[in-house]
Amino acid sequence: VHASANNALYRRLEMTTTPIVYFDSKADLADM
C-alpha cells in the first residue's frame, strides 16, 4: 500500500527465508 513508508520492512523481508509474494501495487523491484 505504502511502498515508500514500508520500504525498510520489505528490504528486511527480502533477507529472510520466508516465501513472499507481493500484490496490488507497484514497488521498487530493483533489488527485490
ModelCIF file with pLDDT and N, C-alpha, C, O atoms, coordinates in Angstrom:
data_MODEL
#
_entry.id   MODEL 
#
_entity.id                         1 
_entity.type                       polymer 
_entity.pdbx_number_of_molecules   1 
#
_entity_poly.entity_id                      1 
_entity_poly.type                           'polypeptide(L)' 
_entity_poly.nstd_linkage                   no 
_entity_poly.nstd_monomer                   no 
_entity_poly.pdbx_seq_one_letter_code       VHASANNALYRRLEMTTTPIVYFDSKADLADM 
_entity_poly.pdbx_seq_one_letter_code_can   VHASANNALYRRLEMTTTPIVYFDSKADLADM 
_entity_poly.pdbx_strand_id                 A 
#
loop_
_entity_poly_seq.entity_id 
_entity_poly_seq.num 
_entity_poly_seq.mon_id 
_entity_poly_seq.hetero 
1 1  VAL n 
1 2  HIS n 
1 3  ALA n 
1 4  SER n 
1 5  ALA n 
1 6  ASN n 
1 7  ASN n 
1 8  ALA n 
1 9  LEU n 
1 10 TYR n 
1 11 ARG n 
1 12 ARG n 
1 13 LEU n 
1 14 GLU n 
1 15 MET n 
1 16 THR n 
1 17 THR n 
1 18 THR n 
1 19 PRO n 
1 20 ILE n 
1 21 VAL n 
1 22 TYR n 
1 23 PHE n 
1 24 ASP n 
1 25 SER n 
1 26 LYS n 
1 27 ALA n 
1 28 ASP n 
1 29 LEU n 
1 30 ALA n 
1 31 ASP n 
1 32 MET n 
#
_struct_asym.id          A 
_struct_asym.entity_id   1 
#
loop_
_ma_qa_metric.id 
_ma_qa_metric.mode 
_ma_qa_metric.name 
_ma_qa_metric.software_group_id 
_ma_qa_metric.type 
1 global pLDDT . pLDDT 
2 local  pLDDT . pLDDT 
#
_ma_qa_metric_global.metric_id      1 
_ma_qa_metric_global.metric_value   76.66 
_ma_qa_metric_global.model_id       1 
_ma_qa_metric_global.ordinal_id     1 
#
loop_
_ma_qa_metric_local.label_asym_id 
_ma_qa_metric_local.label_comp_id 
_ma_qa_metric_local.label_seq_id 
_ma_qa_metric_local.metric_id 
_ma_qa_metric_local.metric_value 
_ma_qa_metric_local.model_id 
_ma_qa_metric_local.ordinal_id 
A VAL 1  2 76.00 1 1  
A HIS 2  2 73.00 1 2  
A ALA 3  2 69.00 1 3  
A SER 4  2 71.00 1 4  
A ALA 5  2 72.00 1 5  
A ASN 6  2 77.00 1 6  
A ASN 7  2 76.00 1 7  
A ALA 8  2 80.00 1 8  
A LEU 9  2 83.00 1 9  
A TYR 10 2 82.00 1 10 
A ARG 11 2 81.00 1 11 
A ARG 12 2 84.00 1 12 
A LEU 13 2 83.00 1 13 
A GLU 14 2 80.00 1 14 
A MET 15 2 82.00 1 15 
A THR 16 2 83.00 1 16 
A THR 17 2 84.00 1 17 
A THR 18 2 87.00 1 18 
A PRO 19 2 91.00 1 19 
A ILE 20 2 92.00 1 20 
A VAL 21 2 93.00 1 21 
A TYR 22 2 91.00 1 22 
A PHE 23 2 90.00 1 23 
A ASP 24 2 82.00 1 24 
A SER 25 2 73.00 1 25 
A LYS 26 2 64.00 1 26 
A ALA 27 2 59.00 1 27 
A ASP 28 2 55.00 1 28 
A LEU 29 2 49.00 1 29 
A ALA 30 2 56.00 1 30 
A ASP 31 2 64.00 1 31 
A MET 32 2 71.00 1 32 
#
loop_
_atom_site.group_PDB 
_atom_site.id 
_atom_site.type_symbol 
_atom_site.label_atom_id 
_atom_site.label_alt_id 
_atom_site.label_comp_id 
_atom_site.label_asym_id 
_atom_site.label_entity_id 
_atom_site.label_seq_id 
_atom_site.pdbx_PDB_ins_code 
_atom_site.Cartn_x 
_atom_site.Cartn_y 
_atom_site.Cartn_z 
_atom_site.occupancy 
_atom_site.B_iso_or_equiv 
_atom_site.pdbx_formal_charge 
_atom_site.auth_seq_id 
_atom_site.auth_comp_id 
_atom_site.auth_asym_id 
_atom_site.auth_atom_id 
_atom_site.pdbx_PDB_model_num 
ATOM 1   N N  . VAL A 1 1  ? 0.832  -1.199  0.000  1.00 76.00 ? 1  VAL A N  1 
ATOM 2   C CA . VAL A 1 1  ? 0.000  0.000   0.000  1.00 76.00 ? 1  VAL A CA 1 
ATOM 3   C C  . VAL A 1 1  ? 0.870  1.254   0.000  1.00 76.00 ? 1  VAL A C  1 
ATOM 4   O O  . VAL A 1 1  ? 0.690  2.147   -0.828 1.00 76.00 ? 1  VAL A O  1 
ATOM 5   N N  . HIS A 1 2  ? 1.817  1.309   0.942  1.00 73.00 ? 2  HIS A N  1 
ATOM 6   C CA . HIS A 1 2  ? 2.738  2.442   1.044  1.00 73.00 ? 2  HIS A CA 1 
ATOM 7   C C  . HIS A 1 2  ? 4.156  1.925   0.814  1.00 73.00 ? 2  HIS A C  1 
ATOM 8   O O  . HIS A 1 2  ? 4.875  1.603   1.760  1.00 73.00 ? 2  HIS A O  1 
ATOM 9   N N  . ALA A 1 3  ? 4.540  1.851   -0.446 1.00 69.00 ? 3  ALA A N  1 
ATOM 10  C CA . ALA A 1 3  ? 5.845  1.273   -0.784 1.00 69.00 ? 3  ALA A CA 1 
ATOM 11  C C  . ALA A 1 3  ? 6.978  2.045   -0.125 1.00 69.00 ? 3  ALA A C  1 
ATOM 12  O O  . ALA A 1 3  ? 7.924  1.437   0.375  1.00 69.00 ? 3  ALA A O  1 
ATOM 13  N N  . SER A 1 4  ? 6.900  3.387   -0.115 1.00 71.00 ? 4  SER A N  1 
ATOM 14  C CA . SER A 1 4  ? 7.985  4.195   0.447  1.00 71.00 ? 4  SER A CA 1 
ATOM 15  C C  . SER A 1 4  ? 8.013  4.096   1.966  1.00 71.00 ? 4  SER A C  1 
ATOM 16  O O  . SER A 1 4  ? 9.085  3.974   2.559  1.00 71.00 ? 4  SER A O  1 
ATOM 17  N N  . ALA A 1 5  ? 6.826  4.149   2.612  1.00 72.00 ? 5  ALA A N  1 
ATOM 18  C CA . ALA A 1 5  ? 6.766  4.116   4.081  1.00 72.00 ? 5  ALA A CA 1 
ATOM 19  C C  . ALA A 1 5  ? 7.261  2.788   4.629  1.00 72.00 ? 5  ALA A C  1 
ATOM 20  O O  . ALA A 1 5  ? 7.862  2.750   5.703  1.00 72.00 ? 5  ALA A O  1 
ATOM 21  N N  . ASN A 1 6  ? 7.019  1.702   3.911  1.00 77.00 ? 6  ASN A N  1 
ATOM 22  C CA . ASN A 1 6  ? 7.422  0.378   4.388  1.00 77.00 ? 6  ASN A CA 1 
ATOM 23  C C  . ASN A 1 6  ? 8.615  -0.187  3.627  1.00 77.00 ? 6  ASN A C  1 
ATOM 24  O O  . ASN A 1 6  ? 8.843  -1.396  3.637  1.00 77.00 ? 6  ASN A O  1 
ATOM 25  N N  . ASN A 1 7  ? 9.366  0.670   2.977  1.00 76.00 ? 7  ASN A N  1 
ATOM 26  C CA . ASN A 1 7  ? 10.493 0.213   2.160  1.00 76.00 ? 7  ASN A CA 1 
ATOM 27  C C  . ASN A 1 7  ? 11.504 -0.583  2.979  1.00 76.00 ? 7  ASN A C  1 
ATOM 28  O O  . ASN A 1 7  ? 11.985 -1.624  2.533  1.00 76.00 ? 7  ASN A O  1 
ATOM 29  N N  . ALA A 1 8  ? 11.829 -0.087  4.189  1.00 80.00 ? 8  ALA A N  1 
ATOM 30  C CA . ALA A 1 8  ? 12.814 -0.772  5.045  1.00 80.00 ? 8  ALA A CA 1 
ATOM 31  C C  . ALA A 1 8  ? 12.298 -2.159  5.434  1.00 80.00 ? 8  ALA A C  1 
ATOM 32  O O  . ALA A 1 8  ? 13.068 -3.118  5.497  1.00 80.00 ? 8  ALA A O  1 
ATOM 33  N N  . LEU A 1 9  ? 10.984 -2.259  5.695  1.00 83.00 ? 9  LEU A N  1 
ATOM 34  C CA . LEU A 1 9  ? 10.384 -3.549  6.047  1.00 83.00 ? 9  LEU A CA 1 
ATOM 35  C C  . LEU A 1 9  ? 10.549 -4.545  4.911  1.00 83.00 ? 9  LEU A C  1 
ATOM 36  O O  . LEU A 1 9  ? 10.951 -5.686  5.138  1.00 83.00 ? 9  LEU A O  1 
ATOM 37  N N  . TYR A 1 10 ? 10.243 -4.120  3.685  1.00 82.00 ? 10 TYR A N  1 
ATOM 38  C CA . TYR A 1 10 ? 10.345 -5.023  2.544  1.00 82.00 ? 10 TYR A CA 1 
ATOM 39  C C  . TYR A 1 10 ? 11.792 -5.447  2.310  1.00 82.00 ? 10 TYR A C  1 
ATOM 40  O O  . TYR A 1 10 ? 12.055 -6.581  1.911  1.00 82.00 ? 10 TYR A O  1 
ATOM 41  N N  . ARG A 1 11 ? 12.716 -4.546  2.556  1.00 81.00 ? 11 ARG A N  1 
ATOM 42  C CA . ARG A 1 11 ? 14.132 -4.886  2.397  1.00 81.00 ? 11 ARG A CA 1 
ATOM 43  C C  . ARG A 1 11 ? 14.532 -5.968  3.403  1.00 81.00 ? 11 ARG A C  1 
ATOM 44  O O  . ARG A 1 11 ? 15.286 -6.883  3.072  1.00 81.00 ? 11 ARG A O  1 
ATOM 45  N N  . ARG A 1 12 ? 14.020 -5.853  4.635  1.00 84.00 ? 12 ARG A N  1 
ATOM 46  C CA . ARG A 1 12 ? 14.330 -6.870  5.654  1.00 84.00 ? 12 ARG A CA 1 
ATOM 47  C C  . ARG A 1 12 ? 13.703 -8.211  5.284  1.00 84.00 ? 12 ARG A C  1 
ATOM 48  O O  . ARG A 1 12 ? 14.319 -9.264  5.450  1.00 84.00 ? 12 ARG A O  1 
ATOM 49  N N  . LEU A 1 13 ? 12.464 -8.157  4.779  1.00 83.00 ? 13 LEU A N  1 
ATOM 50  C CA . LEU A 1 13 ? 11.791 -9.399  4.398  1.00 83.00 ? 13 LEU A CA 1 
ATOM 51  C C  . LEU A 1 13 ? 12.540 -10.125 3.287  1.00 83.00 ? 13 LEU A C  1 
ATOM 52  O O  . LEU A 1 13 ? 12.556 -11.355 3.235  1.00 83.00 ? 13 LEU A O  1 
ATOM 53  N N  . GLU A 1 14 ? 13.159 -9.350  2.402  1.00 80.00 ? 14 GLU A N  1 
ATOM 54  C CA . GLU A 1 14 ? 13.911 -9.959  1.306  1.00 80.00 ? 14 GLU A CA 1 
ATOM 55  C C  . GLU A 1 14 ? 15.113 -10.756 1.812  1.00 80.00 ? 14 GLU A C  1 
ATOM 56  O O  . GLU A 1 14 ? 15.623 -11.626 1.107  1.00 80.00 ? 14 GLU A O  1 
ATOM 57  N N  . MET A 1 15 ? 15.566 -10.459 3.034  1.00 82.00 ? 15 MET A N  1 
ATOM 58  C CA . MET A 1 15 ? 16.725 -11.145 3.602  1.00 82.00 ? 15 MET A CA 1 
ATOM 59  C C  . MET A 1 15 ? 16.327 -12.410 4.356  1.00 82.00 ? 15 MET A C  1 
ATOM 60  O O  . MET A 1 15 ? 17.196 -13.166 4.791  1.00 82.00 ? 15 MET A O  1 
ATOM 61  N N  . THR A 1 16 ? 15.011 -12.654 4.519  1.00 83.00 ? 16 THR A N  1 
ATOM 62  C CA . THR A 1 16 ? 14.556 -13.833 5.249  1.00 83.00 ? 16 THR A CA 1 
ATOM 63  C C  . THR A 1 16 ? 14.346 -15.000 4.293  1.00 83.00 ? 16 THR A C  1 
ATOM 64  O O  . THR A 1 16 ? 14.428 -14.853 3.073  1.00 83.00 ? 16 THR A O  1 
ATOM 65  N N  . THR A 1 17 ? 14.075 -16.155 4.874  1.00 84.00 ? 17 THR A N  1 
ATOM 66  C CA . THR A 1 17 ? 13.807 -17.354 4.060  1.00 84.00 ? 17 THR A CA 1 
ATOM 67  C C  . THR A 1 17 ? 12.312 -17.584 3.864  1.00 84.00 ? 17 THR A C  1 
ATOM 68  O O  . THR A 1 17 ? 11.918 -18.546 3.205  1.00 84.00 ? 17 THR A O  1 
ATOM 69  N N  . THR A 1 18 ? 11.474 -16.711 4.430  1.00 87.00 ? 18 THR A N  1 
ATOM 70  C CA . THR A 1 18 ? 10.028 -16.864 4.282  1.00 87.00 ? 18 THR A CA 1 
ATOM 71  C C  . THR A 1 18 ? 9.608  -16.563 2.849  1.00 87.00 ? 18 THR A C  1 
ATOM 72  O O  . THR A 1 18 ? 9.875  -15.464 2.364  1.00 87.00 ? 18 THR A O  1 
ATOM 73  N N  . PRO A 1 19 ? 8.962  -17.494 2.153  1.00 91.00 ? 19 PRO A N  1 
ATOM 74  C CA . PRO A 1 19 ? 8.479  -17.213 0.796  1.00 91.00 ? 19 PRO A CA 1 
ATOM 75  C C  . PRO A 1 19 ? 7.425  -16.104 0.825  1.00 91.00 ? 19 PRO A C  1 
ATOM 76  O O  . PRO A 1 19 ? 6.496  -16.146 1.631  1.00 91.00 ? 19 PRO A O  1 
ATOM 77  N N  . ILE A 1 20 ? 7.572  -15.121 -0.053 1.00 92.00 ? 20 ILE A N  1 
ATOM 78  C CA . ILE A 1 20 ? 6.669  -13.965 -0.079 1.00 92.00 ? 20 ILE A CA 1 
ATOM 79  C C  . ILE A 1 20 ? 6.260  -13.675 -1.515 1.00 92.00 ? 20 ILE A C  1 
ATOM 80  O O  . ILE A 1 20 ? 7.068  -13.774 -2.439 1.00 92.00 ? 20 ILE A O  1 
ATOM 81  N N  . VAL A 1 21 ? 4.998  -13.314 -1.685 1.00 93.00 ? 21 VAL A N  1 
ATOM 82  C CA . VAL A 1 21 ? 4.520  -12.771 -2.959 1.00 93.00 ? 21 VAL A CA 1 
ATOM 83  C C  . VAL A 1 21 ? 3.804  -11.463 -2.643 1.00 93.00 ? 21 VAL A C  1 
ATOM 84  O O  . VAL A 1 21 ? 2.881  -11.432 -1.828 1.00 93.00 ? 21 VAL A O  1 
ATOM 85  N N  . TYR A 1 22 ? 4.234  -10.390 -3.289 1.00 91.00 ? 22 TYR A N  1 
ATOM 86  C CA . TYR A 1 22 ? 3.595  -9.089  -3.118 1.00 91.00 ? 22 TYR A CA 1 
ATOM 87  C C  . TYR A 1 22 ? 2.511  -8.917  -4.180 1.00 91.00 ? 22 TYR A C  1 
ATOM 88  O O  . TYR A 1 22 ? 2.555  -9.546  -5.238 1.00 91.00 ? 22 TYR A O  1 
ATOM 89  N N  . PHE A 1 23 ? 1.536  -8.054  -3.880 1.00 90.00 ? 23 PHE A N  1 
ATOM 90  C CA . PHE A 1 23 ? 0.486  -7.844  -4.870 1.00 90.00 ? 23 PHE A CA 1 
ATOM 91  C C  . PHE A 1 23 ? -0.145 -6.470  -4.748 1.00 90.00 ? 23 PHE A C  1 
ATOM 92  O O  . PHE A 1 23 ? -0.016 -5.775  -3.741 1.00 90.00 ? 23 PHE A O  1 
ATOM 93  N N  . ASP A 1 24 ? -0.833 -6.111  -5.821 1.00 82.00 ? 24 ASP A N  1 
ATOM 94  C CA . ASP A 1 24 ? -1.729 -4.965  -5.927 1.00 82.00 ? 24 ASP A CA 1 
ATOM 95  C C  . ASP A 1 24 ? -1.070 -3.643  -6.286 1.00 82.00 ? 24 ASP A C  1 
ATOM 96  O O  . ASP A 1 24 ? -1.684 -2.851  -7.001 1.00 82.00 ? 24 ASP A O  1 
ATOM 97  N N  . SER A 1 25 ? 0.133  -3.365  -5.836 1.00 73.00 ? 25 SER A N  1 
ATOM 98  C CA . SER A 1 25 ? 0.759  -2.079  -6.131 1.00 73.00 ? 25 SER A CA 1 
ATOM 99  C C  . SER A 1 25 ? 2.187  -2.279  -6.597 1.00 73.00 ? 25 SER A C  1 
ATOM 100 O O  . SER A 1 25 ? 2.871  -3.219  -6.192 1.00 73.00 ? 25 SER A O  1 
ATOM 101 N N  . LYS A 1 26 ? 2.611  -1.389  -7.443 1.00 64.00 ? 26 LYS A N  1 
ATOM 102 C CA . LYS A 1 26 ? 3.996  -1.441  -7.909 1.00 64.00 ? 26 LYS A CA 1 
ATOM 103 C C  . LYS A 1 26 ? 4.943  -1.111  -6.759 1.00 64.00 ? 26 LYS A C  1 
ATOM 104 O O  . LYS A 1 26 ? 4.634  -0.278  -5.906 1.00 64.00 ? 26 LYS A O  1 
ATOM 105 N N  . ALA A 1 27 ? 6.075  -1.758  -6.746 1.00 59.00 ? 27 ALA A N  1 
ATOM 106 C CA . ALA A 1 27 ? 7.113  -1.466  -5.761 1.00 59.00 ? 27 ALA A CA 1 
ATOM 107 C C  . ALA A 1 27 ? 8.433  -1.313  -6.495 1.00 59.00 ? 27 ALA A C  1 
ATOM 108 O O  . ALA A 1 27 ? 8.538  -1.605  -7.686 1.00 59.00 ? 27 ALA A O  1 
ATOM 109 N N  . ASP A 1 28 ? 9.436  -0.850  -5.762 1.00 55.00 ? 28 ASP A N  1 
ATOM 110 C CA . ASP A 1 28 ? 10.770 -0.730  -6.345 1.00 55.00 ? 28 ASP A CA 1 
ATOM 111 C C  . ASP A 1 28 ? 11.345 -2.141  -6.481 1.00 55.00 ? 28 ASP A C  1 
ATOM 112 O O  . ASP A 1 28 ? 11.739 -2.758  -5.491 1.00 55.00 ? 28 ASP A O  1 
ATOM 113 N N  . LEU A 1 29 ? 11.388 -2.639  -7.707 1.00 49.00 ? 29 LEU A N  1 
ATOM 114 C CA . LEU A 1 29 ? 11.809 -4.022  -7.937 1.00 49.00 ? 29 LEU A CA 1 
ATOM 115 C C  . LEU A 1 29 ? 13.317 -4.161  -8.141 1.00 49.00 ? 29 LEU A C  1 
ATOM 116 O O  . LEU A 1 29 ? 13.814 -5.258  -8.393 1.00 49.00 ? 29 LEU A O  1 
ATOM 117 N N  . ALA A 1 30 ? 14.035 -3.058  -8.034 1.00 56.00 ? 30 ALA A N  1 
ATOM 118 C CA . ALA A 1 30 ? 15.459 -3.075  -8.381 1.00 56.00 ? 30 ALA A CA 1 
ATOM 119 C C  . ALA A 1 30 ? 16.225 -4.164  -7.648 1.00 56.00 ? 30 ALA A C  1 
ATOM 120 O O  . ALA A 1 30 ? 17.004 -4.893  -8.263 1.00 56.00 ? 30 ALA A O  1 
ATOM 121 N N  . ASP A 1 31 ? 16.011 -4.284  -6.325 1.00 64.00 ? 31 ASP A N  1 
ATOM 122 C CA . ASP A 1 31 ? 16.776 -5.256  -5.532 1.00 64.00 ? 31 ASP A CA 1 
ATOM 123 C C  . ASP A 1 31 ? 15.896 -6.361  -4.969 1.00 64.00 ? 31 ASP A C  1 
ATOM 124 O O  . ASP A 1 31 ? 16.353 -7.135  -4.128 1.00 64.00 ? 31 ASP A O  1 
ATOM 125 N N  . MET A 1 32 ? 14.660 -6.453  -5.403 1.00 71.00 ? 32 MET A N  1 
ATOM 126 C CA . MET A 1 32 ? 13.750 -7.436  -4.837 1.00 71.00 ? 32 MET A CA 1 
ATOM 127 C C  . MET A 1 32 ? 13.801 -8.745  -5.621 1.00 71.00 ? 32 MET A C  1 
ATOM 128 O O  . MET A 1 32 ? 13.094 -9.694  -5.284 1.00 71.00 ? 32 MET A O  1 
#
